[in-house]
Amino acid sequence: MPTQALRAAALLATLAAGAATAAAAQNPLAGYTVHIAATHWLGDRSYTAHHWFKPLRDGVLQGLVFKETADGAPLIEVEWAIGQAVYDSLTPAERREWHPLAPAVAARRVQLPDMAPAEEAKMLETVKTLYAQTINLAGIDGALPAGLRKVLLATHMAPGER
């Protein structure tokens, strides 16, 4: 096996071993604990997106988004969700980049699958007050990144809701 391939194999083995202890370690992934499953649209194609969110600061959440929940699923998107006060502080041009989550919640396209129904209902009352911006990095199928010219904004809003 060529030296470069051996180094790549060693790196992958190291990453796999590190992933097993990531939850217990202090690292940037530690706070992504709230699982939200929601329908996203990329153009006219819809898909279920699994988000893991953490708070960044008052009124700002950040989520890592995957198309599936399986171990090793590729990251396809990064999403930010902001509260009304943060949204109101944006310029009109900046606001155009954000979409409200209320229509998706009202249409029952947002779920919190790891929560009991009463807890989920309470959390959805908060989610429906937020605005989101979702940056798709690797298409719907989790392919390799397409480069900056092909990075797209995904949305929770169905084509008729835009």
N, C-alpha and C. Protein backbone atom coordinates (compact mmCIF):
# COMPACT_ATOMS: atom_id res chain seq x y z
N MET A 1 0.86 -1.18 0.00
CA MET A 1 0.00 0.00 0.00
C MET A 1 0.90 1.24 0.00
N PRO A 2 0.66 2.19 -0.85
CA PRO A 2 1.48 3.40 -0.89
C PRO A 2 1.46 4.14 0.46
N THR A 3 2.52 4.90 0.73
CA THR A 3 2.65 5.63 1.99
C THR A 3 1.47 6.56 2.23
N GLN A 4 1.03 7.28 1.20
CA GLN A 4 -0.09 8.22 1.35
C GLN A 4 -1.35 7.47 1.78
N ALA A 5 -1.59 6.30 1.19
CA ALA A 5 -2.77 5.51 1.56
C ALA A 5 -2.67 5.02 3.00
N LEU A 6 -1.46 4.64 3.43
CA LEU A 6 -1.27 4.21 4.82
C LEU A 6 -1.56 5.35 5.79
N ARG A 7 -1.08 6.54 5.44
CA ARG A 7 -1.33 7.70 6.30
C ARG A 7 -2.83 8.01 6.36
N ALA A 8 -3.53 7.91 5.23
CA ALA A 8 -4.97 8.15 5.20
C ALA A 8 -5.70 7.13 6.05
N ALA A 9 -5.32 5.86 5.95
CA ALA A 9 -5.94 4.80 6.75
C ALA A 9 -5.70 5.04 8.23
N ALA A 10 -4.48 5.45 8.59
CA ALA A 10 -4.17 5.73 9.99
C ALA A 10 -4.99 6.91 10.51
N LEU A 11 -5.14 7.95 9.68
CA LEU A 11 -5.93 9.10 10.07
C LEU A 11 -7.38 8.70 10.30
N LEU A 12 -7.94 7.89 9.40
CA LEU A 12 -9.33 7.46 9.55
C LEU A 12 -9.51 6.63 10.81
N ALA A 13 -8.55 5.77 11.12
CA ALA A 13 -8.63 4.96 12.34
C ALA A 13 -8.57 5.84 13.57
N THR A 14 -7.72 6.86 13.54
CA THR A 14 -7.61 7.80 14.66
C THR A 14 -8.91 8.57 14.83
N LEU A 15 -9.48 9.03 13.71
CA LEU A 15 -10.75 9.76 13.78
C LEU A 15 -11.86 8.87 14.35
N ALA A 16 -11.92 7.63 13.94
CA ALA A 16 -12.95 6.71 14.43
C ALA A 16 -12.80 6.49 15.93
N ALA A 17 -11.56 6.33 16.39
CA ALA A 17 -11.32 6.14 17.82
C ALA A 17 -11.70 7.39 18.59
N GLY A 18 -11.39 8.55 18.03
CA GLY A 18 -11.72 9.81 18.69
C GLY A 18 -13.21 10.05 18.75
N ALA A 19 -13.93 9.63 17.73
CA ALA A 19 -15.38 9.82 17.70
C ALA A 19 -16.05 9.07 18.84
N ALA A 20 -15.48 7.95 19.24
CA ALA A 20 -16.07 7.15 20.32
C ALA A 20 -16.04 7.88 21.65
N THR A 21 -15.07 8.78 21.84
CA THR A 21 -14.97 9.50 23.11
C THR A 21 -15.38 10.96 23.01
N ALA A 22 -15.82 11.41 21.85
CA ALA A 22 -16.13 12.83 21.64
C ALA A 22 -17.22 13.33 22.58
N ALA A 23 -18.21 12.50 22.84
CA ALA A 23 -19.32 12.96 23.68
C ALA A 23 -18.87 13.26 25.10
N ALA A 24 -17.87 12.52 25.59
CA ALA A 24 -17.40 12.71 26.95
C ALA A 24 -16.37 13.84 27.05
N ALA A 25 -15.73 14.18 25.98
CA ALA A 25 -14.66 15.18 26.00
C ALA A 25 -15.21 16.59 25.87
N GLN A 26 -14.42 17.56 26.29
CA GLN A 26 -14.76 18.96 26.06
C GLN A 26 -14.29 19.31 24.66
N ASN A 27 -15.23 19.59 23.80
CA ASN A 27 -14.89 19.95 22.42
C ASN A 27 -16.06 20.73 21.84
N PRO A 28 -15.91 21.31 20.66
CA PRO A 28 -16.98 22.11 20.09
C PRO A 28 -18.29 21.36 19.84
N LEU A 29 -18.25 20.05 19.77
CA LEU A 29 -19.46 19.27 19.51
C LEU A 29 -20.28 18.99 20.76
N ALA A 30 -19.73 19.27 21.92
CA ALA A 30 -20.35 18.88 23.19
C ALA A 30 -21.77 19.41 23.39
N GLY A 31 -22.11 20.58 22.92
CA GLY A 31 -23.42 21.15 23.22
C GLY A 31 -24.53 20.85 22.22
N TYR A 32 -24.24 20.14 21.14
CA TYR A 32 -25.26 19.87 20.13
C TYR A 32 -26.14 18.71 20.59
N THR A 33 -27.17 19.02 21.38
CA THR A 33 -27.94 17.96 22.02
C THR A 33 -29.42 17.95 21.67
N VAL A 34 -29.96 19.02 21.12
CA VAL A 34 -31.40 19.06 20.81
C VAL A 34 -31.60 18.57 19.38
N HIS A 35 -32.27 17.43 19.25
CA HIS A 35 -32.51 16.80 17.94
C HIS A 35 -33.86 17.26 17.40
N ILE A 36 -33.82 17.89 16.23
CA ILE A 36 -35.04 18.31 15.53
C ILE A 36 -35.04 17.67 14.15
N ALA A 37 -36.13 17.03 13.78
CA ALA A 37 -36.30 16.49 12.43
C ALA A 37 -37.31 17.38 11.72
N ALA A 38 -36.93 17.87 10.55
CA ALA A 38 -37.79 18.79 9.82
C ALA A 38 -37.62 18.60 8.32
N THR A 39 -38.66 18.94 7.60
CA THR A 39 -38.58 18.89 6.14
C THR A 39 -37.84 20.12 5.64
N HIS A 40 -36.86 19.90 4.79
CA HIS A 40 -36.16 20.99 4.11
C HIS A 40 -36.44 20.91 2.63
N TRP A 41 -36.33 22.05 1.97
CA TRP A 41 -36.42 22.10 0.51
C TRP A 41 -35.13 22.68 -0.02
N LEU A 42 -34.63 22.07 -1.06
CA LEU A 42 -33.51 22.59 -1.82
C LEU A 42 -34.03 22.69 -3.24
N GLY A 43 -34.36 23.92 -3.66
CA GLY A 43 -35.07 24.07 -4.92
C GLY A 43 -36.45 23.47 -4.76
N ASP A 44 -36.82 22.54 -5.66
CA ASP A 44 -38.14 21.92 -5.56
C ASP A 44 -38.08 20.51 -4.97
N ARG A 45 -36.92 20.10 -4.46
CA ARG A 45 -36.77 18.78 -3.83
C ARG A 45 -36.86 18.90 -2.32
N SER A 46 -37.66 18.04 -1.71
CA SER A 46 -37.77 18.05 -0.25
C SER A 46 -37.09 16.81 0.32
N TYR A 47 -36.70 16.91 1.58
CA TYR A 47 -36.03 15.81 2.26
C TYR A 47 -36.14 16.05 3.76
N THR A 48 -36.02 14.99 4.54
CA THR A 48 -36.02 15.11 5.99
C THR A 48 -34.61 15.45 6.43
N ALA A 49 -34.49 16.49 7.22
CA ALA A 49 -33.20 16.94 7.74
C ALA A 49 -33.18 16.75 9.25
N HIS A 50 -32.13 16.11 9.74
CA HIS A 50 -31.97 15.89 11.18
C HIS A 50 -30.95 16.90 11.70
N HIS A 51 -31.43 17.77 12.60
CA HIS A 51 -30.61 18.84 13.16
C HIS A 51 -30.23 18.48 14.59
N TRP A 52 -29.02 18.87 14.97
CA TRP A 52 -28.62 18.84 16.37
C TRP A 52 -28.18 20.26 16.70
N PHE A 53 -28.95 20.91 17.59
CA PHE A 53 -28.73 22.32 17.91
C PHE A 53 -28.04 22.52 19.26
N LYS A 54 -27.35 23.67 19.35
CA LYS A 54 -26.85 24.16 20.63
C LYS A 54 -26.99 25.67 20.63
N PRO A 55 -27.13 26.27 21.82
CA PRO A 55 -27.18 27.73 21.90
C PRO A 55 -25.78 28.31 21.75
N LEU A 56 -25.67 29.39 20.96
CA LEU A 56 -24.39 30.09 20.83
C LEU A 56 -24.33 31.29 21.75
N ARG A 57 -25.42 32.04 21.80
CA ARG A 57 -25.55 33.19 22.68
C ARG A 57 -27.05 33.50 22.77
N ASP A 58 -27.41 34.48 23.54
CA ASP A 58 -28.81 34.81 23.73
C ASP A 58 -29.49 35.07 22.39
N GLY A 59 -30.51 34.29 22.07
CA GLY A 59 -31.28 34.48 20.85
C GLY A 59 -30.68 33.87 19.60
N VAL A 60 -29.57 33.13 19.73
CA VAL A 60 -28.92 32.53 18.55
C VAL A 60 -28.60 31.06 18.84
N LEU A 61 -29.12 30.18 17.97
CA LEU A 61 -28.82 28.75 18.04
C LEU A 61 -28.09 28.36 16.77
N GLN A 62 -27.27 27.32 16.86
CA GLN A 62 -26.60 26.79 15.68
C GLN A 62 -26.84 25.30 15.63
N GLY A 63 -27.10 24.79 14.42
CA GLY A 63 -27.36 23.37 14.26
C GLY A 63 -26.51 22.73 13.17
N LEU A 64 -26.12 21.51 13.43
CA LEU A 64 -25.47 20.67 12.43
C LEU A 64 -26.55 19.79 11.84
N VAL A 65 -26.61 19.69 10.52
CA VAL A 65 -27.73 19.04 9.86
C VAL A 65 -27.25 17.86 9.03
N PHE A 66 -27.93 16.73 9.21
CA PHE A 66 -27.63 15.48 8.51
C PHE A 66 -28.90 14.98 7.84
N LYS A 67 -28.76 14.20 6.79
CA LYS A 67 -29.94 13.65 6.12
C LYS A 67 -30.47 12.42 6.84
N GLU A 68 -29.63 11.81 7.64
CA GLU A 68 -30.03 10.61 8.38
C GLU A 68 -29.40 10.62 9.76
N THR A 69 -29.83 9.70 10.61
CA THR A 69 -29.32 9.64 11.98
C THR A 69 -28.31 8.51 12.19
N ALA A 70 -27.99 7.78 11.15
CA ALA A 70 -27.06 6.66 11.29
C ALA A 70 -25.67 7.13 11.69
N ASP A 71 -24.97 6.29 12.43
CA ASP A 71 -23.59 6.56 12.77
C ASP A 71 -22.79 6.84 11.50
N GLY A 72 -22.02 7.88 11.49
CA GLY A 72 -21.20 8.20 10.33
C GLY A 72 -21.91 8.94 9.22
N ALA A 73 -23.16 9.35 9.44
CA ALA A 73 -23.89 10.10 8.41
C ALA A 73 -23.14 11.38 8.07
N PRO A 74 -23.09 11.75 6.81
CA PRO A 74 -22.35 12.96 6.44
C PRO A 74 -23.11 14.24 6.79
N LEU A 75 -22.37 15.25 7.20
CA LEU A 75 -22.92 16.57 7.43
C LEU A 75 -23.30 17.16 6.07
N ILE A 76 -24.54 17.66 5.95
CA ILE A 76 -24.93 18.26 4.67
C ILE A 76 -25.22 19.75 4.78
N GLU A 77 -25.56 20.20 6.01
CA GLU A 77 -25.94 21.61 6.17
C GLU A 77 -25.53 22.12 7.54
N VAL A 78 -25.47 23.43 7.64
CA VAL A 78 -25.34 24.12 8.92
C VAL A 78 -26.50 25.11 8.97
N GLU A 79 -27.16 25.16 10.12
CA GLU A 79 -28.32 26.04 10.24
C GLU A 79 -28.19 26.91 11.48
N TRP A 80 -28.59 28.16 11.34
CA TRP A 80 -28.68 29.08 12.46
C TRP A 80 -30.16 29.40 12.66
N ALA A 81 -30.58 29.50 13.89
CA ALA A 81 -31.94 29.91 14.22
C ALA A 81 -31.83 31.08 15.19
N ILE A 82 -32.63 32.11 14.93
CA ILE A 82 -32.56 33.32 15.75
C ILE A 82 -33.95 33.70 16.24
N GLY A 83 -33.97 34.34 17.40
CA GLY A 83 -35.22 34.82 17.96
C GLY A 83 -35.64 36.14 17.34
N GLN A 84 -36.83 36.59 17.72
CA GLN A 84 -37.41 37.81 17.14
C GLN A 84 -36.54 39.04 17.38
N ALA A 85 -35.98 39.18 18.57
CA ALA A 85 -35.19 40.38 18.87
C ALA A 85 -33.95 40.45 17.98
N VAL A 86 -33.30 39.32 17.76
CA VAL A 86 -32.13 39.31 16.87
C VAL A 86 -32.58 39.60 15.44
N TYR A 87 -33.67 38.97 15.01
CA TYR A 87 -34.19 39.22 13.67
C TYR A 87 -34.51 40.71 13.47
N ASP A 88 -35.15 41.31 14.47
CA ASP A 88 -35.51 42.73 14.38
C ASP A 88 -34.28 43.64 14.30
N SER A 89 -33.14 43.16 14.80
CA SER A 89 -31.92 43.97 14.78
C SER A 89 -31.21 43.93 13.41
N LEU A 90 -31.66 43.06 12.51
CA LEU A 90 -31.04 42.93 11.19
C LEU A 90 -31.53 44.03 10.25
N THR A 91 -30.73 44.32 9.25
CA THR A 91 -31.16 45.26 8.21
C THR A 91 -32.18 44.55 7.32
N PRO A 92 -32.98 45.30 6.55
CA PRO A 92 -33.91 44.66 5.62
C PRO A 92 -33.21 43.69 4.65
N ALA A 93 -32.04 44.05 4.19
CA ALA A 93 -31.30 43.16 3.28
C ALA A 93 -30.91 41.87 3.98
N GLU A 94 -30.47 41.96 5.24
CA GLU A 94 -30.10 40.76 5.99
C GLU A 94 -31.32 39.89 6.28
N ARG A 95 -32.45 40.51 6.57
CA ARG A 95 -33.67 39.75 6.87
C ARG A 95 -34.12 38.87 5.70
N ARG A 96 -33.84 39.31 4.49
CA ARG A 96 -34.25 38.51 3.31
C ARG A 96 -33.56 37.15 3.27
N GLU A 97 -32.45 37.00 3.99
CA GLU A 97 -31.72 35.72 4.01
C GLU A 97 -32.29 34.73 5.04
N TRP A 98 -33.26 35.16 5.82
CA TRP A 98 -33.83 34.33 6.89
C TRP A 98 -35.27 33.97 6.55
N HIS A 99 -35.71 32.78 6.97
CA HIS A 99 -37.10 32.39 6.76
C HIS A 99 -37.72 32.02 8.10
N PRO A 100 -39.02 32.34 8.27
CA PRO A 100 -39.70 32.02 9.53
C PRO A 100 -39.95 30.52 9.62
N LEU A 101 -39.88 30.01 10.84
CA LEU A 101 -40.17 28.58 11.06
C LEU A 101 -41.64 28.33 11.35
N ALA A 102 -42.42 29.37 11.60
CA ALA A 102 -43.83 29.20 11.94
C ALA A 102 -44.62 28.40 10.91
N PRO A 103 -44.47 28.65 9.59
CA PRO A 103 -45.24 27.85 8.62
C PRO A 103 -44.91 26.35 8.69
N ALA A 104 -43.65 26.02 8.89
CA ALA A 104 -43.26 24.60 8.97
C ALA A 104 -43.81 23.95 10.22
N VAL A 105 -43.80 24.67 11.33
CA VAL A 105 -44.36 24.13 12.58
C VAL A 105 -45.87 23.96 12.42
N ALA A 106 -46.55 24.96 11.86
CA ALA A 106 -48.00 24.89 11.68
C ALA A 106 -48.40 23.73 10.76
N ALA A 107 -47.56 23.43 9.78
CA ALA A 107 -47.85 22.33 8.84
C ALA A 107 -47.38 20.98 9.38
N ARG A 108 -46.86 20.96 10.60
CA ARG A 108 -46.41 19.73 11.28
C ARG A 108 -45.22 19.08 10.56
N ARG A 109 -44.36 19.92 9.98
CA ARG A 109 -43.16 19.41 9.31
C ARG A 109 -41.93 19.50 10.21
N VAL A 110 -42.14 19.81 11.49
CA VAL A 110 -41.05 19.89 12.46
C VAL A 110 -41.41 19.00 13.63
N GLN A 111 -40.50 18.11 13.98
CA GLN A 111 -40.71 17.22 15.12
C GLN A 111 -39.45 17.19 15.98
N LEU A 112 -39.63 16.86 17.24
CA LEU A 112 -38.52 16.63 18.16
C LEU A 112 -38.63 15.18 18.60
N PRO A 113 -38.07 14.26 17.82
CA PRO A 113 -38.32 12.83 18.03
C PRO A 113 -37.79 12.25 19.33
N ASP A 114 -36.90 12.94 20.02
CA ASP A 114 -36.35 12.40 21.26
C ASP A 114 -37.08 12.90 22.50
N MET A 115 -38.16 13.65 22.30
CA MET A 115 -38.91 14.23 23.43
C MET A 115 -40.28 13.59 23.58
N ALA A 116 -40.75 13.58 24.80
CA ALA A 116 -42.12 13.14 25.08
C ALA A 116 -43.08 14.13 24.42
N PRO A 117 -44.29 13.71 24.04
CA PRO A 117 -45.23 14.60 23.35
C PRO A 117 -45.48 15.94 24.03
N ALA A 118 -45.65 15.95 25.35
CA ALA A 118 -45.92 17.22 26.05
C ALA A 118 -44.71 18.15 25.99
N GLU A 119 -43.53 17.58 26.16
CA GLU A 119 -42.29 18.36 26.09
C GLU A 119 -42.07 18.88 24.66
N GLU A 120 -42.36 18.02 23.67
CA GLU A 120 -42.22 18.43 22.26
C GLU A 120 -43.17 19.59 21.94
N ALA A 121 -44.41 19.50 22.40
CA ALA A 121 -45.39 20.56 22.12
C ALA A 121 -44.93 21.89 22.71
N LYS A 122 -44.39 21.84 23.92
CA LYS A 122 -43.89 23.06 24.56
C LYS A 122 -42.71 23.64 23.76
N MET A 123 -41.80 22.79 23.33
CA MET A 123 -40.62 23.24 22.58
C MET A 123 -41.03 23.81 21.22
N LEU A 124 -42.04 23.20 20.58
CA LEU A 124 -42.49 23.70 19.27
C LEU A 124 -43.10 25.09 19.38
N GLU A 125 -43.66 25.43 20.54
CA GLU A 125 -44.16 26.79 20.76
C GLU A 125 -43.03 27.81 20.64
N THR A 126 -41.84 27.42 21.08
CA THR A 126 -40.67 28.29 20.95
C THR A 126 -40.13 28.26 19.52
N VAL A 127 -40.03 27.06 18.94
CA VAL A 127 -39.48 26.92 17.59
C VAL A 127 -40.26 27.78 16.60
N LYS A 128 -41.57 27.84 16.75
CA LYS A 128 -42.37 28.58 15.77
C LYS A 128 -42.14 30.08 15.82
N THR A 129 -41.45 30.57 16.85
CA THR A 129 -41.15 32.00 16.94
C THR A 129 -39.80 32.35 16.32
N LEU A 130 -39.07 31.35 15.83
CA LEU A 130 -37.71 31.56 15.32
C LEU A 130 -37.67 31.78 13.82
N TYR A 131 -36.54 32.30 13.38
CA TYR A 131 -36.21 32.45 11.96
C TYR A 131 -34.94 31.64 11.72
N ALA A 132 -34.82 31.05 10.54
CA ALA A 132 -33.66 30.19 10.26
C ALA A 132 -32.95 30.60 8.98
N GLN A 133 -31.68 30.28 8.95
CA GLN A 133 -30.88 30.38 7.73
C GLN A 133 -30.10 29.08 7.65
N THR A 134 -30.27 28.37 6.54
CA THR A 134 -29.67 27.05 6.37
C THR A 134 -28.75 27.07 5.17
N ILE A 135 -27.51 26.73 5.40
CA ILE A 135 -26.53 26.71 4.32
C ILE A 135 -26.26 25.25 3.96
N ASN A 136 -26.64 24.88 2.75
CA ASN A 136 -26.42 23.52 2.26
C ASN A 136 -25.01 23.45 1.70
N LEU A 137 -24.26 22.48 2.19
CA LEU A 137 -22.85 22.34 1.82
C LEU A 137 -22.59 21.25 0.80
N ALA A 138 -23.42 20.23 0.78
CA ALA A 138 -23.09 19.04 -0.01
C ALA A 138 -24.30 18.41 -0.68
N GLY A 139 -25.23 19.22 -1.16
CA GLY A 139 -26.40 18.66 -1.83
C GLY A 139 -27.27 17.87 -0.87
N ILE A 140 -28.23 17.17 -1.40
CA ILE A 140 -29.15 16.38 -0.58
C ILE A 140 -28.56 15.02 -0.24
N ASP A 141 -27.73 14.51 -1.11
CA ASP A 141 -27.23 13.15 -0.94
C ASP A 141 -25.92 13.06 -0.16
N GLY A 142 -25.43 14.18 0.37
CA GLY A 142 -24.22 14.15 1.18
C GLY A 142 -22.97 13.92 0.36
N ALA A 143 -22.98 14.36 -0.87
CA ALA A 143 -21.81 14.22 -1.72
C ALA A 143 -20.70 15.14 -1.21
N LEU A 144 -19.61 15.16 -1.93
CA LEU A 144 -18.54 16.08 -1.58
C LEU A 144 -19.02 17.51 -1.77
N PRO A 145 -18.47 18.47 -1.03
CA PRO A 145 -18.87 19.86 -1.23
C PRO A 145 -18.71 20.28 -2.69
N ALA A 146 -19.63 21.12 -3.11
CA ALA A 146 -19.68 21.52 -4.52
C ALA A 146 -18.92 22.81 -4.79
N GLY A 147 -18.29 23.39 -3.79
CA GLY A 147 -17.58 24.64 -3.99
C GLY A 147 -18.48 25.83 -3.71
N LEU A 148 -17.87 26.97 -3.48
CA LEU A 148 -18.62 28.15 -3.07
C LEU A 148 -19.67 28.58 -4.08
N ARG A 149 -19.40 28.40 -5.37
CA ARG A 149 -20.38 28.84 -6.37
C ARG A 149 -21.64 27.99 -6.35
N LYS A 150 -21.59 26.81 -5.70
CA LYS A 150 -22.76 25.94 -5.69
C LYS A 150 -23.34 25.77 -4.29
N VAL A 151 -22.84 26.51 -3.30
CA VAL A 151 -23.44 26.47 -1.97
C VAL A 151 -24.80 27.13 -2.07
N LEU A 152 -25.81 26.48 -1.50
CA LEU A 152 -27.19 26.95 -1.64
C LEU A 152 -27.82 27.18 -0.27
N LEU A 153 -28.85 28.00 -0.25
CA LEU A 153 -29.65 28.16 0.95
C LEU A 153 -30.83 27.21 0.86
N ALA A 154 -30.97 26.33 1.84
CA ALA A 154 -32.13 25.45 1.94
C ALA A 154 -33.18 26.19 2.78
N THR A 155 -34.40 25.72 2.74
CA THR A 155 -35.47 26.37 3.50
C THR A 155 -36.42 25.34 4.08
N HIS A 156 -37.12 25.75 5.14
CA HIS A 156 -38.18 24.94 5.74
C HIS A 156 -39.52 25.23 5.09
N MET A 157 -39.56 26.20 4.22
CA MET A 157 -40.82 26.64 3.63
C MET A 157 -41.08 25.91 2.31
N ALA A 158 -42.27 25.37 2.17
CA ALA A 158 -42.68 24.70 0.94
C ALA A 158 -42.74 25.73 -0.19
N PRO A 159 -42.62 25.28 -1.43
CA PRO A 159 -42.62 26.23 -2.54
C PRO A 159 -43.78 27.24 -2.51
N GLY A 160 -44.97 26.84 -2.14
CA GLY A 160 -46.11 27.76 -2.10
C GLY A 160 -46.09 28.73 -0.93
N GLU A 161 -45.21 28.52 0.05
CA GLU A 161 -45.16 29.37 1.23
C GLU A 161 -44.17 30.52 1.09
N ARG A 162 -43.39 30.53 0.03
CA ARG A 162 -42.35 31.55 -0.13
C ARG A 162 -42.91 32.84 -0.63
